[in-house]
Amino acid sequence: MNTEHYTRYEKARIIGARSLQISMGAPVLIDDMNTDSLYLAKKEYTLGIIPITVKRELD
């Protein structure tokens, strides 16, 4: 995943969706003792390991 090509709205949606997944019990993909789901989602995003893709329609 290349994080350079996402708009700020896509970034917010990706992090929000991943944070919700973590808070609902999804496995965390990084080794961190922090339990804050938003923090973990942001860290996963910066590392580029969030298993979420964005589909765009081409006009």
PDB file of N, CA and C in Angstrom:
ATOM      1  N   MET A   1       0.849  -1.183   0.000  1.00  0.00           N
ATOM      2  CA  MET A   1       0.000   0.000   0.000  1.00  0.00           C
ATOM      3  C   MET A   1       0.886   1.236   0.000  1.00  0.00           C
ATOM      4  N   ASN A   2       0.596   2.143  -0.892  1.00  0.00           N
ATOM      5  CA  ASN A   2       1.351   3.386  -0.953  1.00  0.00           C
ATOM      6  C   ASN A   2       0.504   4.515  -0.385  1.00  0.00           C
ATOM      7  N   THR A   3       0.897   5.062   0.745  1.00  0.00           N
ATOM      8  CA  THR A   3       0.079   6.057   1.439  1.00  0.00           C
ATOM      9  C   THR A   3       0.184   7.446   0.833  1.00  0.00           C
ATOM     10  N   GLU A   4       1.036   7.651  -0.165  1.00  0.00           N
ATOM     11  CA  GLU A   4       1.215   8.979  -0.731  1.00  0.00           C
ATOM     12  C   GLU A   4       0.072   9.400  -1.640  1.00  0.00           C
ATOM     13  N   HIS A   5      -0.714   8.475  -2.141  1.00  0.00           N
ATOM     14  CA  HIS A   5      -1.707   8.795  -3.141  1.00  0.00           C
ATOM     15  C   HIS A   5      -3.136   8.852  -2.611  1.00  0.00           C
ATOM     16  N   TYR A   6      -3.329   8.904  -1.324  1.00  0.00           N
ATOM     17  CA  TYR A   6      -4.666   8.994  -0.758  1.00  0.00           C
ATOM     18  C   TYR A   6      -4.999  10.443  -0.414  1.00  0.00           C
ATOM     19  N   THR A   7      -6.257  10.819  -0.636  1.00  0.00           N
ATOM     20  CA  THR A   7      -6.688  12.150  -0.211  1.00  0.00           C
ATOM     21  C   THR A   7      -6.846  12.135   1.304  1.00  0.00           C
ATOM     22  N   ARG A   8      -6.989  13.299   1.885  1.00  0.00           N
ATOM     23  CA  ARG A   8      -7.146  13.341   3.346  1.00  0.00           C
ATOM     24  C   ARG A   8      -8.449  12.687   3.782  1.00  0.00           C
ATOM     25  N   TYR A   9      -9.464  12.699   2.904  1.00  0.00           N
ATOM     26  CA  TYR A   9     -10.735  12.059   3.226  1.00  0.00           C
ATOM     27  C   TYR A   9     -10.605  10.535   3.182  1.00  0.00           C
ATOM     28  N   GLU A  10      -9.866  10.034   2.201  1.00  0.00           N
ATOM     29  CA  GLU A  10      -9.629   8.597   2.127  1.00  0.00           C
ATOM     30  C   GLU A  10      -8.794   8.146   3.317  1.00  0.00           C
ATOM     31  N   LYS A  11      -7.794   8.927   3.676  1.00  0.00           N
ATOM     32  CA  LYS A  11      -6.956   8.605   4.827  1.00  0.00           C
ATOM     33  C   LYS A  11      -7.798   8.528   6.099  1.00  0.00           C
ATOM     34  N   ALA A  12      -8.674   9.514   6.298  1.00  0.00           N
ATOM     35  CA  ALA A  12      -9.531   9.528   7.488  1.00  0.00           C
ATOM     36  C   ALA A  12     -10.462   8.324   7.504  1.00  0.00           C
ATOM     37  N   ARG A  13     -10.999   7.958   6.351  1.00  0.00           N
ATOM     38  CA  ARG A  13     -11.912   6.823   6.261  1.00  0.00           C
ATOM     39  C   ARG A  13     -11.185   5.505   6.529  1.00  0.00           C
ATOM     40  N   ILE A  14      -9.989   5.373   5.985  1.00  0.00           N
ATOM     41  CA  ILE A  14      -9.197   4.152   6.188  1.00  0.00           C
ATOM     42  C   ILE A  14      -8.836   3.988   7.659  1.00  0.00           C
ATOM     43  N   ILE A  15      -8.323   5.056   8.265  1.00  0.00           N
ATOM     44  CA  ILE A  15      -7.922   4.980   9.673  1.00  0.00           C
ATOM     45  C   ILE A  15      -9.134   4.740  10.564  1.00  0.00           C
ATOM     46  N   GLY A  16     -10.248   5.419  10.261  1.00  0.00           N
ATOM     47  CA  GLY A  16     -11.469   5.231  11.048  1.00  0.00           C
ATOM     48  C   GLY A  16     -12.004   3.815  10.958  1.00  0.00           C
ATOM     49  N   ALA A  17     -12.021   3.276   9.750  1.00  0.00           N
ATOM     50  CA  ALA A  17     -12.519   1.910   9.561  1.00  0.00           C
ATOM     51  C   ALA A  17     -11.620   0.899  10.272  1.00  0.00           C
ATOM     52  N   ARG A  18     -10.319   1.091  10.161  1.00  0.00           N
ATOM     53  CA  ARG A  18      -9.378   0.173  10.817  1.00  0.00           C
ATOM     54  C   ARG A  18      -9.467   0.287  12.334  1.00  0.00           C
ATOM     55  N   SER A  19      -9.642   1.509  12.824  1.00  0.00           N
ATOM     56  CA  SER A  19      -9.782   1.719  14.265  1.00  0.00           C
ATOM     57  C   SER A  19     -11.022   0.992  14.795  1.00  0.00           C
ATOM     58  N   LEU A  20     -12.106   1.060  14.040  1.00  0.00           N
ATOM     59  CA  LEU A  20     -13.334   0.360  14.430  1.00  0.00           C
ATOM     60  C   LEU A  20     -13.106  -1.148  14.435  1.00  0.00           C
ATOM     61  N   GLN A  21     -12.423  -1.650  13.420  1.00  0.00           N
ATOM     62  CA  GLN A  21     -12.126  -3.082  13.370  1.00  0.00           C
ATOM     63  C   GLN A  21     -11.331  -3.516  14.599  1.00  0.00           C
ATOM     64  N   ILE A  22     -10.317  -2.733  14.951  1.00  0.00           N
ATOM     65  CA  ILE A  22      -9.484  -3.074  16.114  1.00  0.00           C
ATOM     66  C   ILE A  22     -10.306  -3.040  17.390  1.00  0.00           C
ATOM     67  N   SER A  23     -11.152  -2.022  17.533  1.00  0.00           N
ATOM     68  CA  SER A  23     -11.955  -1.909  18.753  1.00  0.00           C
ATOM     69  C   SER A  23     -12.980  -3.034  18.870  1.00  0.00           C
ATOM     70  N   MET A  24     -13.350  -3.632  17.721  1.00  0.00           N
ATOM     71  CA  MET A  24     -14.304  -4.738  17.737  1.00  0.00           C
ATOM     72  C   MET A  24     -13.614  -6.103  17.861  1.00  0.00           C
ATOM     73  N   GLY A  25     -12.284  -6.101  18.031  1.00  0.00           N
ATOM     74  CA  GLY A  25     -11.586  -7.350  18.304  1.00  0.00           C
ATOM     75  C   GLY A  25     -10.725  -7.892  17.185  1.00  0.00           C
ATOM     76  N   ALA A  26     -10.572  -7.155  16.100  1.00  0.00           N
ATOM     77  CA  ALA A  26      -9.707  -7.626  15.011  1.00  0.00           C
ATOM     78  C   ALA A  26      -8.259  -7.682  15.495  1.00  0.00           C
ATOM     79  N   PRO A  27      -7.475  -8.591  14.964  1.00  0.00           N
ATOM     80  CA  PRO A  27      -6.077  -8.678  15.393  1.00  0.00           C
ATOM     81  C   PRO A  27      -5.280  -7.447  14.962  1.00  0.00           C
ATOM     82  N   VAL A  28      -4.422  -6.992  15.851  1.00  0.00           N
ATOM     83  CA  VAL A  28      -3.558  -5.842  15.571  1.00  0.00           C
ATOM     84  C   VAL A  28      -2.342  -6.348  14.802  1.00  0.00           C
ATOM     85  N   LEU A  29      -1.950  -5.625  13.756  1.00  0.00           N
ATOM     86  CA  LEU A  29      -0.893  -6.087  12.869  1.00  0.00           C
ATOM     87  C   LEU A  29       0.492  -5.595  13.257  1.00  0.00           C
ATOM     88  N   ILE A  30       0.597  -4.854  14.360  1.00  0.00           N
ATOM     89  CA  ILE A  30       1.888  -4.370  14.827  1.00  0.00           C
ATOM     90  C   ILE A  30       2.101  -4.823  16.260  1.00  0.00           C
ATOM     91  N   ASP A  31       3.344  -4.820  16.677  1.00  0.00           N
ATOM     92  CA  ASP A  31       3.682  -5.208  18.042  1.00  0.00           C
ATOM     93  C   ASP A  31       3.801  -3.942  18.881  1.00  0.00           C
ATOM     94  N   ASP A  32       2.718  -3.599  19.593  1.00  0.00           N
ATOM     95  CA  ASP A  32       2.687  -2.387  20.415  1.00  0.00           C
ATOM     96  C   ASP A  32       1.812  -2.663  21.628  1.00  0.00           C
ATOM     97  N   MET A  33       2.232  -2.204  22.772  1.00  0.00           N
ATOM     98  CA  MET A  33       1.495  -2.457  24.009  1.00  0.00           C
ATOM     99  C   MET A  33       0.328  -1.490  24.213  1.00  0.00           C
ATOM    100  N   ASN A  34       0.243  -0.441  23.409  1.00  0.00           N
ATOM    101  CA  ASN A  34      -0.832   0.532  23.528  1.00  0.00           C
ATOM    102  C   ASN A  34      -2.164  -0.138  23.191  1.00  0.00           C
ATOM    103  N   THR A  35      -3.243   0.245  23.890  1.00  0.00           N
ATOM    104  CA  THR A  35      -4.544  -0.367  23.648  1.00  0.00           C
ATOM    105  C   THR A  35      -5.517   0.578  22.959  1.00  0.00           C
ATOM    106  N   ASP A  36      -5.099   1.797  22.661  1.00  0.00           N
ATOM    107  CA  ASP A  36      -5.961   2.760  21.984  1.00  0.00           C
ATOM    108  C   ASP A  36      -6.088   2.390  20.510  1.00  0.00           C
ATOM    109  N   SER A  37      -7.300   2.068  20.072  1.00  0.00           N
ATOM    110  CA  SER A  37      -7.491   1.585  18.705  1.00  0.00           C
ATOM    111  C   SER A  37      -7.159   2.652  17.661  1.00  0.00           C
ATOM    112  N   LEU A  38      -7.435   3.916  17.941  1.00  0.00           N
ATOM    113  CA  LEU A  38      -7.115   4.976  16.980  1.00  0.00           C
ATOM    114  C   LEU A  38      -5.601   5.136  16.831  1.00  0.00           C
ATOM    115  N   TYR A  39      -4.892   5.078  17.937  1.00  0.00           N
ATOM    116  CA  TYR A  39      -3.427   5.156  17.891  1.00  0.00           C
ATOM    117  C   TYR A  39      -2.855   4.003  17.065  1.00  0.00           C
ATOM    118  N   LEU A  40      -3.361   2.810  17.315  1.00  0.00           N
ATOM    119  CA  LEU A  40      -2.862   1.633  16.605  1.00  0.00           C
ATOM    120  C   LEU A  40      -3.175   1.725  15.112  1.00  0.00           C
ATOM    121  N   ALA A  41      -4.369   2.195  14.770  1.00  0.00           N
ATOM    122  CA  ALA A  41      -4.745   2.332  13.366  1.00  0.00           C
ATOM    123  C   ALA A  41      -3.868   3.363  12.661  1.00  0.00           C
ATOM    124  N   LYS A  42      -3.580   4.481  13.332  1.00  0.00           N
ATOM    125  CA  LYS A  42      -2.709   5.502  12.741  1.00  0.00           C
ATOM    126  C   LYS A  42      -1.303   4.949  12.525  1.00  0.00           C
ATOM    127  N   LYS A  43      -0.823   4.179  13.484  1.00  0.00           N
ATOM    128  CA  LYS A  43       0.524   3.611  13.369  1.00  0.00           C
ATOM    129  C   LYS A  43       0.572   2.590  12.230  1.00  0.00           C
ATOM    130  N   GLU A  44      -0.458   1.767  12.118  1.00  0.00           N
ATOM    131  CA  GLU A  44      -0.520   0.817  11.012  1.00  0.00           C
ATOM    132  C   GLU A  44      -0.563   1.554   9.674  1.00  0.00           C
ATOM    133  N   TYR A  45      -1.294   2.653   9.626  1.00  0.00           N
ATOM    134  CA  TYR A  45      -1.381   3.434   8.388  1.00  0.00           C
ATOM    135  C   TYR A  45      -0.016   3.991   7.996  1.00  0.00           C
ATOM    136  N   THR A  46       0.698   4.552   8.972  1.00  0.00           N
ATOM    137  CA  THR A  46       2.011   5.126   8.657  1.00  0.00           C
ATOM    138  C   THR A  46       2.990   4.046   8.208  1.00  0.00           C
ATOM    139  N   LEU A  47       2.847   2.853   8.726  1.00  0.00           N
ATOM    140  CA  LEU A  47       3.719   1.758   8.318  1.00  0.00           C
ATOM    141  C   LEU A  47       3.264   1.126   6.996  1.00  0.00           C
ATOM    142  N   GLY A  48       2.065   1.475   6.554  1.00  0.00           N
ATOM    143  CA  GLY A  48       1.567   0.967   5.277  1.00  0.00           C
ATOM    144  C   GLY A  48       1.136  -0.482   5.301  1.00  0.00           C
ATOM    145  N   ILE A  49       0.618  -0.944   6.454  1.00  0.00           N
ATOM    146  CA  ILE A  49       0.252  -2.364   6.549  1.00  0.00           C
ATOM    147  C   ILE A  49      -1.235  -2.597   6.779  1.00  0.00           C
ATOM    148  N   ILE A  50      -2.056  -1.581   6.604  1.00  0.00           N
ATOM    149  CA  ILE A  50      -3.498  -1.755   6.784  1.00  0.00           C
ATOM    150  C   ILE A  50      -4.056  -2.535   5.590  1.00  0.00           C
ATOM    151  N   PRO A  51      -4.777  -3.616   5.860  1.00  0.00           N
ATOM    152  CA  PRO A  51      -5.299  -4.435   4.762  1.00  0.00           C
ATOM    153  C   PRO A  51      -6.601  -3.889   4.181  1.00  0.00           C
ATOM    154  N   ILE A  52      -6.603  -2.637   3.777  1.00  0.00           N
ATOM    155  CA  ILE A  52      -7.781  -1.988   3.198  1.00  0.00           C
ATOM    156  C   ILE A  52      -7.346  -1.334   1.886  1.00  0.00           C
ATOM    157  N   THR A  53      -8.168  -1.476   0.860  1.00  0.00           N
ATOM    158  CA  THR A  53      -7.862  -0.835  -0.417  1.00  0.00           C
ATOM    159  C   THR A  53      -8.953   0.174  -0.758  1.00  0.00           C
ATOM    160  N   VAL A  54      -8.615   1.128  -1.594  1.00  0.00           N
ATOM    161  CA  VAL A  54      -9.555   2.156  -2.042  1.00  0.00           C
ATOM    162  C   VAL A  54      -9.799   1.937  -3.521  1.00  0.00           C
ATOM    163  N   LYS A  55     -11.071   1.840  -3.880  1.00  0.00           N
ATOM    164  CA  LYS A  55     -11.435   1.708  -5.291  1.00  0.00           C
ATOM    165  C   LYS A  55     -12.011   3.036  -5.754  1.00  0.00           C
ATOM    166  N   ARG A  56     -11.523   3.521  -6.874  1.00  0.00           N
ATOM    167  CA  ARG A  56     -12.002   4.785  -7.434  1.00  0.00           C
ATOM    168  C   ARG A  56     -12.568   4.534  -8.820  1.00  0.00           C
ATOM    169  N   GLU A  57     -13.614   5.271  -9.142  1.00  0.00           N
ATOM    170  CA  GLU A  57     -14.146   5.223 -10.495  1.00  0.00           C
ATOM    171  C   GLU A  57     -13.385   6.196 -11.361  1.00  0.00           C
ATOM    172  N   LEU A  58     -13.009   5.761 -12.537  1.00  0.00           N
ATOM    173  CA  LEU A  58     -12.329   6.638 -13.469  1.00  0.00           C
ATOM    174  C   LEU A  58     -13.361   7.302 -14.372  1.00  0.00           C
ATOM    175  N   ASP A  59     -13.321   8.598 -14.455  1.00  0.00           N
ATOM    176  CA  ASP A  59     -14.295   9.327 -15.278  1.00  0.00           C
ATOM    177  C   ASP A  59     -13.820   9.474 -16.698  1.00  0.00           C
TER     178      ASP A  59
END
